[in-house]
Amino acid sequence: MQHFITIVKMLSRISGVVSTLLILLSIIVVCQMIFQRQVLGQSTIWQTEFVIFSLIAATFVGAPYVLLTRGHVNVDLLPLVLGHRGRMTLALLSSVMALAFCFAVLWNAVPWWQEAFDTNRLTSSMWRARMWIPFLSVPVGMGLLCLQYVADIWAIATGREMPFGLRPEDGL
């Protein structure tokens, strides 16, 4: 199981890099779009949609990295008040519920992506981008996020990680 956790952590780190690259690429495209419109006086066709799709993809694909690094917003009052056993229960319960939610999104996103792929669905803009490409970020991101939750649940359940980053003796 340790090998599984190592692979999932590596995939989550890769997803963080991909997400960062998508954000950087979006910044470059926005700068190019501004230059093209303001300096060259030309209209833009694909840039706005590309930036929207890239930022949404960065959000979904980057989610496993955020979970891995505990970069999400976390209110830690309840974990600080609870004892170690309560923290363990809360961490496992909340992680299992989050895993169930992510799995439900994944379960529904795969056929949604598959339909866009099978029907060669295109955007209604002049760019006519194939929708399966940006849609793919949802099942990929949710699939990796599910794997990261499974790894986290296993690490907490086996005592390899302490819930909420708190030691058993920490608290108010």
C-alpha atoms as a PDB file:
ATOM      1  CA  MET A   1       0.000   0.000   0.000  1.00  0.00           C
ATOM      2  CA  GLN A   2       2.952   2.317   0.584  1.00  0.00           C
ATOM      3  CA  HIS A   3       3.806   1.980  -3.116  1.00  0.00           C
ATOM      4  CA  PHE A   4       0.253   3.093  -3.977  1.00  0.00           C
ATOM      5  CA  ILE A   5       0.557   6.143  -1.703  1.00  0.00           C
ATOM      6  CA  THR A   6       3.912   7.063  -3.256  1.00  0.00           C
ATOM      7  CA  ILE A   7       2.490   6.843  -6.780  1.00  0.00           C
ATOM      8  CA  VAL A   8      -0.598   8.889  -5.837  1.00  0.00           C
ATOM      9  CA  LYS A   9       1.577  11.579  -4.238  1.00  0.00           C
ATOM     10  CA  MET A  10       3.699  11.705  -7.388  1.00  0.00           C
ATOM     11  CA  LEU A  11       0.574  12.018  -9.576  1.00  0.00           C
ATOM     12  CA  SER A  12      -0.766  14.765  -7.315  1.00  0.00           C
ATOM     13  CA  ARG A  13       2.512  16.676  -7.604  1.00  0.00           C
ATOM     14  CA  ILE A  14       2.413  16.289 -11.394  1.00  0.00           C
ATOM     15  CA  SER A  15      -1.161  17.592 -11.386  1.00  0.00           C
ATOM     16  CA  GLY A  16       0.069  20.638  -9.458  1.00  0.00           C
ATOM     17  CA  VAL A  17       2.729  21.283 -12.086  1.00  0.00           C
ATOM     18  CA  VAL A  18       0.201  20.883 -14.915  1.00  0.00           C
ATOM     19  CA  SER A  19      -2.188  23.241 -13.142  1.00  0.00           C
ATOM     20  CA  THR A  20       0.566  25.819 -12.691  1.00  0.00           C
ATOM     21  CA  LEU A  21       1.511  25.564 -16.362  1.00  0.00           C
ATOM     22  CA  LEU A  22      -2.126  26.046 -17.388  1.00  0.00           C
ATOM     23  CA  ILE A  23      -2.340  29.199 -15.269  1.00  0.00           C
ATOM     24  CA  LEU A  24       0.920  30.546 -16.692  1.00  0.00           C
ATOM     25  CA  LEU A  25      -0.226  29.760 -20.222  1.00  0.00           C
ATOM     26  CA  SER A  26      -3.487  31.587 -19.523  1.00  0.00           C
ATOM     27  CA  ILE A  27      -1.549  34.660 -18.385  1.00  0.00           C
ATOM     28  CA  ILE A  28       0.531  34.601 -21.568  1.00  0.00           C
ATOM     29  CA  VAL A  29      -2.585  34.245 -23.736  1.00  0.00           C
ATOM     30  CA  VAL A  30      -4.304  37.147 -21.940  1.00  0.00           C
ATOM     31  CA  CYS A  31      -1.233  39.322 -22.567  1.00  0.00           C
ATOM     32  CA  GLN A  32      -1.186  38.260 -26.213  1.00  0.00           C
ATOM     33  CA  MET A  33      -4.896  39.023 -26.500  1.00  0.00           C
ATOM     34  CA  ILE A  34      -4.467  42.500 -25.023  1.00  0.00           C
ATOM     35  CA  PHE A  35      -1.562  43.208 -27.382  1.00  0.00           C
ATOM     36  CA  GLN A  36      -3.501  41.939 -30.381  1.00  0.00           C
ATOM     37  CA  ARG A  37      -6.596  43.984 -29.571  1.00  0.00           C
ATOM     38  CA  GLN A  38      -5.069  47.210 -28.228  1.00  0.00           C
ATOM     39  CA  VAL A  39      -1.809  47.543 -30.135  1.00  0.00           C
ATOM     40  CA  LEU A  40      -2.557  45.778 -33.399  1.00  0.00           C
ATOM     41  CA  GLY A  41      -6.252  46.645 -33.445  1.00  0.00           C
ATOM     42  CA  GLN A  42      -7.215  43.122 -34.452  1.00  0.00           C
ATOM     43  CA  SER A  43     -10.090  41.060 -33.160  1.00  0.00           C
ATOM     44  CA  THR A  44      -9.515  37.957 -31.119  1.00  0.00           C
ATOM     45  CA  ILE A  45     -11.167  34.626 -31.792  1.00  0.00           C
ATOM     46  CA  TRP A  46      -9.899  31.856 -29.544  1.00  0.00           C
ATOM     47  CA  GLN A  47      -8.190  33.565 -26.630  1.00  0.00           C
ATOM     48  CA  THR A  48     -11.124  34.179 -24.281  1.00  0.00           C
ATOM     49  CA  GLU A  49     -12.429  30.626 -24.539  1.00  0.00           C
ATOM     50  CA  PHE A  50      -8.938  29.217 -24.202  1.00  0.00           C
ATOM     51  CA  VAL A  51      -8.321  31.159 -20.998  1.00  0.00           C
ATOM     52  CA  ILE A  52     -11.684  30.136 -19.529  1.00  0.00           C
ATOM     53  CA  PHE A  53     -11.112  26.464 -20.366  1.00  0.00           C
ATOM     54  CA  SER A  54      -7.526  26.563 -19.096  1.00  0.00           C
ATOM     55  CA  LEU A  55      -8.423  28.124 -15.757  1.00  0.00           C
ATOM     56  CA  ILE A  56     -11.264  25.669 -15.198  1.00  0.00           C
ATOM     57  CA  ALA A  57      -8.934  22.795 -16.116  1.00  0.00           C
ATOM     58  CA  ALA A  58      -6.279  24.188 -13.751  1.00  0.00           C
ATOM     59  CA  THR A  59      -8.858  24.146 -10.961  1.00  0.00           C
ATOM     60  CA  PHE A  60      -9.904  20.533 -11.498  1.00  0.00           C
ATOM     61  CA  VAL A  61      -6.478  19.144 -12.358  1.00  0.00           C
ATOM     62  CA  GLY A  62      -4.800  21.056  -9.521  1.00  0.00           C
ATOM     63  CA  ALA A  63      -7.249  19.894  -6.833  1.00  0.00           C
ATOM     64  CA  PRO A  64      -5.276  16.727  -5.910  1.00  0.00           C
ATOM     65  CA  TYR A  65      -2.150  18.822  -5.312  1.00  0.00           C
ATOM     66  CA  VAL A  66      -4.094  21.212  -3.091  1.00  0.00           C
ATOM     67  CA  LEU A  67      -5.349  18.253  -1.050  1.00  0.00           C
ATOM     68  CA  LEU A  68      -1.863  16.733  -0.887  1.00  0.00           C
ATOM     69  CA  THR A  69      -0.328  19.943   0.464  1.00  0.00           C
ATOM     70  CA  ARG A  70      -3.337  20.817   2.662  1.00  0.00           C
ATOM     71  CA  GLY A  71      -3.594  24.078   0.755  1.00  0.00           C
ATOM     72  CA  HIS A  72      -7.376  24.324   1.037  1.00  0.00           C
ATOM     73  CA  VAL A  73      -9.169  26.592   3.494  1.00  0.00           C
ATOM     74  CA  ASN A  74      -9.400  24.796   6.802  1.00  0.00           C
ATOM     75  CA  VAL A  75     -11.220  25.861   9.940  1.00  0.00           C
ATOM     76  CA  ASP A  76      -9.432  24.053  12.739  1.00  0.00           C
ATOM     77  CA  LEU A  77     -11.435  25.102  15.803  1.00  0.00           C
ATOM     78  CA  LEU A  78     -13.313  21.806  16.105  1.00  0.00           C
ATOM     79  CA  PRO A  79     -10.195  19.641  15.649  1.00  0.00           C
ATOM     80  CA  LEU A  80      -8.404  21.706  18.293  1.00  0.00           C
ATOM     81  CA  VAL A  81     -11.252  21.192  20.780  1.00  0.00           C
ATOM     82  CA  LEU A  82     -11.598  17.471  20.127  1.00  0.00           C
ATOM     83  CA  GLY A  83      -9.197  14.941  21.539  1.00  0.00           C
ATOM     84  CA  HIS A  84      -7.054  12.700  19.370  1.00  0.00           C
ATOM     85  CA  ARG A  85      -9.758  10.039  18.981  1.00  0.00           C
ATOM     86  CA  GLY A  86     -12.350  12.667  18.004  1.00  0.00           C
ATOM     87  CA  ARG A  87      -9.935  14.166  15.477  1.00  0.00           C
ATOM     88  CA  MET A  88      -9.354  10.750  13.947  1.00  0.00           C
ATOM     89  CA  THR A  89     -13.091  10.155  13.640  1.00  0.00           C
ATOM     90  CA  LEU A  90     -13.724  13.634  12.222  1.00  0.00           C
ATOM     91  CA  ALA A  91     -10.864  13.354   9.710  1.00  0.00           C
ATOM     92  CA  LEU A  92     -11.925   9.919   8.504  1.00  0.00           C
ATOM     93  CA  LEU A  93     -15.616  10.829   8.326  1.00  0.00           C
ATOM     94  CA  SER A  94     -15.014  14.092   6.461  1.00  0.00           C
ATOM     95  CA  SER A  95     -12.536  12.442   4.077  1.00  0.00           C
ATOM     96  CA  VAL A  96     -14.922   9.576   3.311  1.00  0.00           C
ATOM     97  CA  MET A  97     -17.754  12.051   2.653  1.00  0.00           C
ATOM     98  CA  ALA A  98     -15.491  14.142   0.407  1.00  0.00           C
ATOM     99  CA  LEU A  99     -14.386  10.982  -1.414  1.00  0.00           C
ATOM    100  CA  ALA A 100     -18.031  10.018  -1.975  1.00  0.00           C
ATOM    101  CA  PHE A 101     -18.788  13.470  -3.384  1.00  0.00           C
ATOM    102  CA  CYS A 102     -15.737  13.425  -5.683  1.00  0.00           C
ATOM    103  CA  PHE A 103     -16.596   9.921  -6.853  1.00  0.00           C
ATOM    104  CA  ALA A 104     -20.167  11.049  -7.649  1.00  0.00           C
ATOM    105  CA  VAL A 105     -18.807  13.934  -9.730  1.00  0.00           C
ATOM    106  CA  LEU A 106     -16.388  11.546 -11.461  1.00  0.00           C
ATOM    107  CA  TRP A 107     -19.176   9.020 -12.090  1.00  0.00           C
ATOM    108  CA  ASN A 108     -21.286  11.691 -13.817  1.00  0.00           C
ATOM    109  CA  ALA A 109     -18.400  13.429 -15.613  1.00  0.00           C
ATOM    110  CA  VAL A 110     -17.193  10.369 -17.521  1.00  0.00           C
ATOM    111  CA  PRO A 111     -20.396   9.931 -19.600  1.00  0.00           C
ATOM    112  CA  TRP A 112     -20.578  13.714 -20.043  1.00  0.00           C
ATOM    113  CA  TRP A 113     -17.052  13.704 -21.467  1.00  0.00           C
ATOM    114  CA  GLN A 114     -17.739  10.538 -23.488  1.00  0.00           C
ATOM    115  CA  GLU A 115     -20.785  12.123 -25.145  1.00  0.00           C
ATOM    116  CA  ALA A 116     -18.789  15.201 -26.134  1.00  0.00           C
ATOM    117  CA  PHE A 117     -16.073  12.937 -27.547  1.00  0.00           C
ATOM    118  CA  ASP A 118     -18.426  10.598 -29.438  1.00  0.00           C
ATOM    119  CA  THR A 119     -20.497  13.393 -30.965  1.00  0.00           C
ATOM    120  CA  ASN A 120     -17.474  15.597 -31.698  1.00  0.00           C
ATOM    121  CA  ARG A 121     -19.232  18.462 -29.934  1.00  0.00           C
ATOM    122  CA  LEU A 122     -17.793  21.896 -30.762  1.00  0.00           C
ATOM    123  CA  THR A 123     -18.091  25.309 -29.165  1.00  0.00           C
ATOM    124  CA  SER A 124     -20.538  27.697 -30.784  1.00  0.00           C
ATOM    125  CA  SER A 125     -17.864  30.359 -31.276  1.00  0.00           C
ATOM    126  CA  MET A 126     -15.815  30.995 -34.402  1.00  0.00           C
ATOM    127  CA  TRP A 127     -13.000  28.987 -32.858  1.00  0.00           C
ATOM    128  CA  ARG A 128     -15.114  25.793 -32.914  1.00  0.00           C
ATOM    129  CA  ALA A 129     -12.999  24.058 -30.259  1.00  0.00           C
ATOM    130  CA  ARG A 130     -13.654  20.394 -29.598  1.00  0.00           C
ATOM    131  CA  MET A 131     -15.418  20.284 -26.224  1.00  0.00           C
ATOM    132  CA  TRP A 132     -14.079  16.899 -25.179  1.00  0.00           C
ATOM    133  CA  ILE A 133     -10.664  18.449 -24.641  1.00  0.00           C
ATOM    134  CA  PRO A 134     -11.650  20.921 -21.884  1.00  0.00           C
ATOM    135  CA  PHE A 135     -14.284  18.504 -20.548  1.00  0.00           C
ATOM    136  CA  LEU A 136     -11.540  15.921 -19.984  1.00  0.00           C
ATOM    137  CA  SER A 137     -10.163  17.964 -17.087  1.00  0.00           C
ATOM    138  CA  VAL A 138     -13.197  17.102 -14.935  1.00  0.00           C
ATOM    139  CA  PRO A 139     -12.896  13.288 -14.938  1.00  0.00           C
ATOM    140  CA  VAL A 140      -9.091  13.436 -14.827  1.00  0.00           C
ATOM    141  CA  GLY A 141      -9.053  15.902 -11.928  1.00  0.00           C
ATOM    142  CA  MET A 142     -11.793  14.103 -10.015  1.00  0.00           C
ATOM    143  CA  GLY A 143     -10.184  10.713 -10.617  1.00  0.00           C
ATOM    144  CA  LEU A 144      -6.855  11.926  -9.253  1.00  0.00           C
ATOM    145  CA  LEU A 145      -8.627  13.652  -6.366  1.00  0.00           C
ATOM    146  CA  CYS A 146     -10.392  10.382  -5.483  1.00  0.00           C
ATOM    147  CA  LEU A 147      -7.044   8.594  -5.479  1.00  0.00           C
ATOM    148  CA  GLN A 148      -5.555  11.279  -3.221  1.00  0.00           C
ATOM    149  CA  TYR A 149      -8.477  10.942  -0.796  1.00  0.00           C
ATOM    150  CA  VAL A 150      -8.020   7.156  -0.708  1.00  0.00           C
ATOM    151  CA  ALA A 151      -4.313   7.640   0.043  1.00  0.00           C
ATOM    152  CA  ASP A 152      -5.111  10.193   2.770  1.00  0.00           C
ATOM    153  CA  ILE A 153      -7.745   7.965   4.358  1.00  0.00           C
ATOM    154  CA  TRP A 154      -5.314   5.048   4.390  1.00  0.00           C
ATOM    155  CA  ALA A 155      -2.519   7.188   5.867  1.00  0.00           C
ATOM    156  CA  ILE A 156      -4.770   8.490   8.668  1.00  0.00           C
ATOM    157  CA  ALA A 157      -6.382   5.115   9.374  1.00  0.00           C
ATOM    158  CA  THR A 158      -3.000   3.409   9.698  1.00  0.00           C
ATOM    159  CA  GLY A 159      -1.441   6.203  11.778  1.00  0.00           C
ATOM    160  CA  ARG A 160       1.061   7.248   9.111  1.00  0.00           C
ATOM    161  CA  GLU A 161      -0.351  10.782   9.234  1.00  0.00           C
ATOM    162  CA  MET A 162      -2.011  12.672  12.015  1.00  0.00           C
ATOM    163  CA  PRO A 163      -5.370  14.232  11.184  1.00  0.00           C
ATOM    164  CA  PHE A 164      -5.356  17.973  10.552  1.00  0.00           C
ATOM    165  CA  GLY A 165      -1.577  17.996  11.053  1.00  0.00           C
ATOM    166  CA  LEU A 166      -2.058  17.917  14.831  1.00  0.00           C
ATOM    167  CA  ARG A 167      -0.161  15.631  17.192  1.00  0.00           C
ATOM    168  CA  PRO A 168      -2.218  13.602  19.701  1.00  0.00           C
ATOM    169  CA  GLU A 169      -1.255  15.970  22.530  1.00  0.00           C
ATOM    170  CA  ASP A 170      -2.146  19.180  20.602  1.00  0.00           C
ATOM    171  CA  GLY A 171      -5.315  21.015  21.435  1.00  0.00           C
ATOM    172  CA  LEU A 172      -6.824  23.907  23.344  1.00  0.00           C
END
